[in-house]
Each structure stands twice: as structure tokens, then as C-alpha cells.
Amino acid sequence: MKIRTFLLTCSLIAPAFSLHADEDTPLEKQMQIMARGMKQLSGQINDPAKQESTVTLIETLKKAASNSKGWDPRKTASIPQADREKFLTAYKGQIDKLSEAFNQIEEAVKGNKYDQAKALLATIGSIKKEGHSKFQQD
């Protein structure tokens, strides 16, 4: 009887854990793609032998940034209705800023300007910090 109760309890609790895993919004999933990509990019940005891979990775980052514009941050729900359009316009502007930084990095890599690409990569951190402080829910 105890085993049956235990199994029943486990079967009721297990879905709660899987629901927690599914809590990421589509926007958060795009941000995770960018976070993983940035980690990989920072490790290979200076390697001319990985130029093709780096350009492909930057294309993935640009796509994730572009996809992010189609989703509203969670914080949007806490913004008064009268201010939401302004908030979302600012959010999309921040994503455009990020996309432009990715474009500049890509141009530098394609032009074999790896020191410039690495310097431009450093700007992504400040763009991320600024964006998260304004648009990420506390």
C-alpha cells in the first residue's frame, strides 16, 4: 500500500516539475540561444581558422535577435497600458542596436579584422546589461 501511495504521489508531482521546465517564453528561448552563441563566439572570435564557423554563428545570433523582436518581454504586462507602446518601441530599438552590433562584428570577421571584431564583441556586454536593466522583469 505504501508503494502505491508513493507512486501515486510521484505521478502527481512529476508534471509540476515538467511544467516548470516549460516556463521559458519564446523570447527567453531566443535569449538563451544568444547567450550560448555569445559564449561560443567569444572563444573563437580571434581564430582565423574558424572564420566560416564564426560567420555562421553570427548569422544564428542575428536570427535569434530578429526573432526576439516578435515577442514581448514578460515585463510588458506590468507596464501601464498607456506606456506599453513606448516601452515596446524602446525594446525593439534595443534589439535593433544589438542586431547592428552583430552586423558590425560579422563585417569585421569577414574582413579578417579580428582585433576589431573582438573589440566590437565587448560592446555586446554593455548592450545586454542596458537591455536587461530596462526590459527584463525583476
Protein backbone atom coordinates (compact mmCIF):
# COMPACT_ATOMS: atom_id res chain seq x y z
CA MET A 1 0.00 0.00 0.00
CA LYS A 2 2.84 2.40 0.84
CA ILE A 3 4.45 1.78 -2.53
CA ARG A 4 1.18 2.51 -4.32
CA THR A 5 0.77 5.77 -2.39
CA PHE A 6 4.36 6.71 -3.14
CA LEU A 7 3.93 6.03 -6.87
CA LEU A 8 0.68 7.98 -6.95
CA THR A 9 2.35 10.91 -5.21
CA CYS A 10 5.27 10.80 -7.65
CA SER A 11 2.93 10.73 -10.63
CA LEU A 12 1.17 13.83 -9.31
CA ILE A 13 4.39 15.71 -8.57
CA ALA A 14 6.27 14.87 -11.78
CA PRO A 15 4.06 17.02 -14.04
CA ALA A 16 4.73 20.00 -11.79
CA PHE A 17 8.45 19.68 -12.50
CA SER A 18 7.89 19.42 -16.23
CA LEU A 19 5.65 22.48 -16.14
CA HIS A 20 8.45 24.41 -14.50
CA ALA A 21 10.80 23.40 -17.32
CA ASP A 22 8.31 24.73 -19.88
CA GLU A 23 8.06 28.16 -18.28
CA ASP A 24 10.53 29.74 -20.67
CA THR A 25 8.75 32.05 -23.05
CA PRO A 26 9.65 32.07 -26.75
CA LEU A 27 11.57 35.30 -26.09
CA GLU A 28 13.55 33.69 -23.28
CA LYS A 29 14.39 30.78 -25.57
CA GLN A 30 15.79 33.22 -28.15
CA MET A 31 17.80 34.92 -25.41
CA GLN A 32 19.19 31.53 -24.36
CA ILE A 33 20.27 30.88 -27.95
CA MET A 34 22.08 34.22 -27.93
CA ALA A 35 23.70 33.56 -24.54
CA ARG A 36 25.06 30.19 -25.67
CA GLY A 37 26.15 31.65 -29.00
CA MET A 38 27.93 34.56 -27.36
CA LYS A 39 29.85 32.19 -25.12
CA GLN A 40 30.97 30.18 -28.14
CA LEU A 41 31.70 33.31 -30.18
CA SER A 42 33.91 34.82 -27.51
CA GLY A 43 36.02 31.65 -27.55
CA GLN A 44 36.60 31.62 -31.30
CA ILE A 45 36.38 35.24 -32.47
CA ASN A 46 40.18 35.57 -32.85
CA ASP A 47 40.74 32.31 -34.71
CA PRO A 48 41.10 32.84 -38.48
CA ALA A 49 40.83 29.07 -38.98
CA LYS A 50 37.27 29.24 -37.63
CA GLN A 51 36.16 32.18 -39.78
CA GLU A 52 33.44 30.23 -41.58
CA SER A 53 32.11 28.80 -38.32
CA THR A 54 32.23 32.25 -36.74
CA VAL A 55 30.24 33.81 -39.56
CA THR A 56 27.65 31.02 -39.33
CA LEU A 57 27.43 31.55 -35.57
CA ILE A 58 26.94 35.29 -36.03
CA GLU A 59 24.14 34.56 -38.51
CA THR A 60 22.48 32.43 -35.81
CA LEU A 61 22.84 35.27 -33.31
CA LYS A 62 21.36 37.75 -35.77
CA LYS A 63 18.41 35.43 -36.42
CA ALA A 64 17.77 34.99 -32.69
CA ALA A 65 17.88 38.77 -32.22
CA SER A 66 15.47 39.25 -35.12
CA ASN A 67 13.14 36.58 -33.73
CA SER A 68 13.25 38.32 -30.34
CA LYS A 69 11.57 41.38 -31.80
CA GLY A 70 8.43 39.32 -32.39
CA TRP A 71 7.93 38.60 -28.68
CA ASP A 72 7.10 40.93 -25.84
CA PRO A 73 9.19 40.80 -22.67
CA ARG A 74 7.40 39.46 -19.57
CA LYS A 75 7.79 42.88 -18.01
CA THR A 76 5.33 44.27 -20.58
CA ALA A 77 2.40 43.01 -18.50
CA SER A 78 3.49 45.19 -15.57
CA ILE A 79 3.74 48.36 -17.68
CA PRO A 80 0.65 50.60 -17.59
CA GLN A 81 -1.35 50.29 -20.81
CA ALA A 82 -0.71 53.94 -21.67
CA ASP A 83 3.07 53.35 -21.61
CA ARG A 84 3.24 49.95 -23.29
CA GLU A 85 3.67 51.16 -26.85
CA LYS A 86 6.56 53.39 -25.81
CA PHE A 87 8.08 50.51 -23.79
CA LEU A 88 7.82 48.06 -26.71
CA THR A 89 9.22 50.61 -29.17
CA ALA A 90 12.21 51.11 -26.87
CA TYR A 91 12.61 47.34 -26.52
CA LYS A 92 12.61 46.84 -30.28
CA GLY A 93 15.10 49.69 -30.63
CA GLN A 94 17.41 47.92 -28.18
CA ILE A 95 17.15 44.72 -30.22
CA ASP A 96 17.97 46.74 -33.35
CA LYS A 97 21.04 48.08 -31.56
CA LEU A 98 22.09 44.51 -30.77
CA SER A 99 21.49 43.40 -34.36
CA GLU A 100 23.60 46.27 -35.66
CA ALA A 101 26.43 45.26 -33.33
CA PHE A 102 26.22 41.71 -34.71
CA ASN A 103 26.35 43.12 -38.26
CA GLN A 104 29.49 45.11 -37.44
CA ILE A 105 31.16 42.07 -35.87
CA GLU A 106 30.30 40.00 -38.92
CA GLU A 107 31.79 42.61 -41.27
CA ALA A 108 34.98 42.72 -39.22
CA VAL A 109 35.31 38.92 -39.21
CA LYS A 110 34.67 38.70 -42.95
CA GLY A 111 37.30 41.42 -43.45
CA ASN A 112 39.85 39.47 -41.38
CA LYS A 113 39.87 42.27 -38.79
CA TYR A 114 39.83 40.00 -35.75
CA ASP A 115 41.07 42.60 -33.25
CA GLN A 116 38.27 44.92 -34.34
CA ALA A 117 35.76 42.07 -34.12
CA LYS A 118 36.90 41.28 -30.58
CA ALA A 119 36.58 44.95 -29.57
CA LEU A 120 33.10 45.10 -31.07
CA LEU A 121 32.19 41.90 -29.26
CA ALA A 122 32.93 43.65 -25.98
CA THR A 123 30.18 46.18 -26.76
CA ILE A 124 27.59 43.40 -26.70
CA GLY A 125 28.01 43.12 -22.92
CA SER A 126 27.01 46.74 -22.37
CA ILE A 127 24.07 46.40 -24.77
CA LYS A 128 22.94 43.31 -22.87
CA LYS A 129 23.31 44.98 -19.48
CA GLU A 130 21.40 48.06 -20.62
CA GLY A 131 18.63 45.99 -22.20
CA HIS A 132 18.21 43.68 -19.26
CA SER A 133 18.05 46.57 -16.80
CA LYS A 134 15.26 48.21 -18.80
CA PHE A 135 13.28 45.29 -20.17
CA GLN A 136 13.85 42.22 -18.00
CA GLN A 137 11.38 41.59 -15.23
CA ASP A 138 12.90 41.85 -11.75
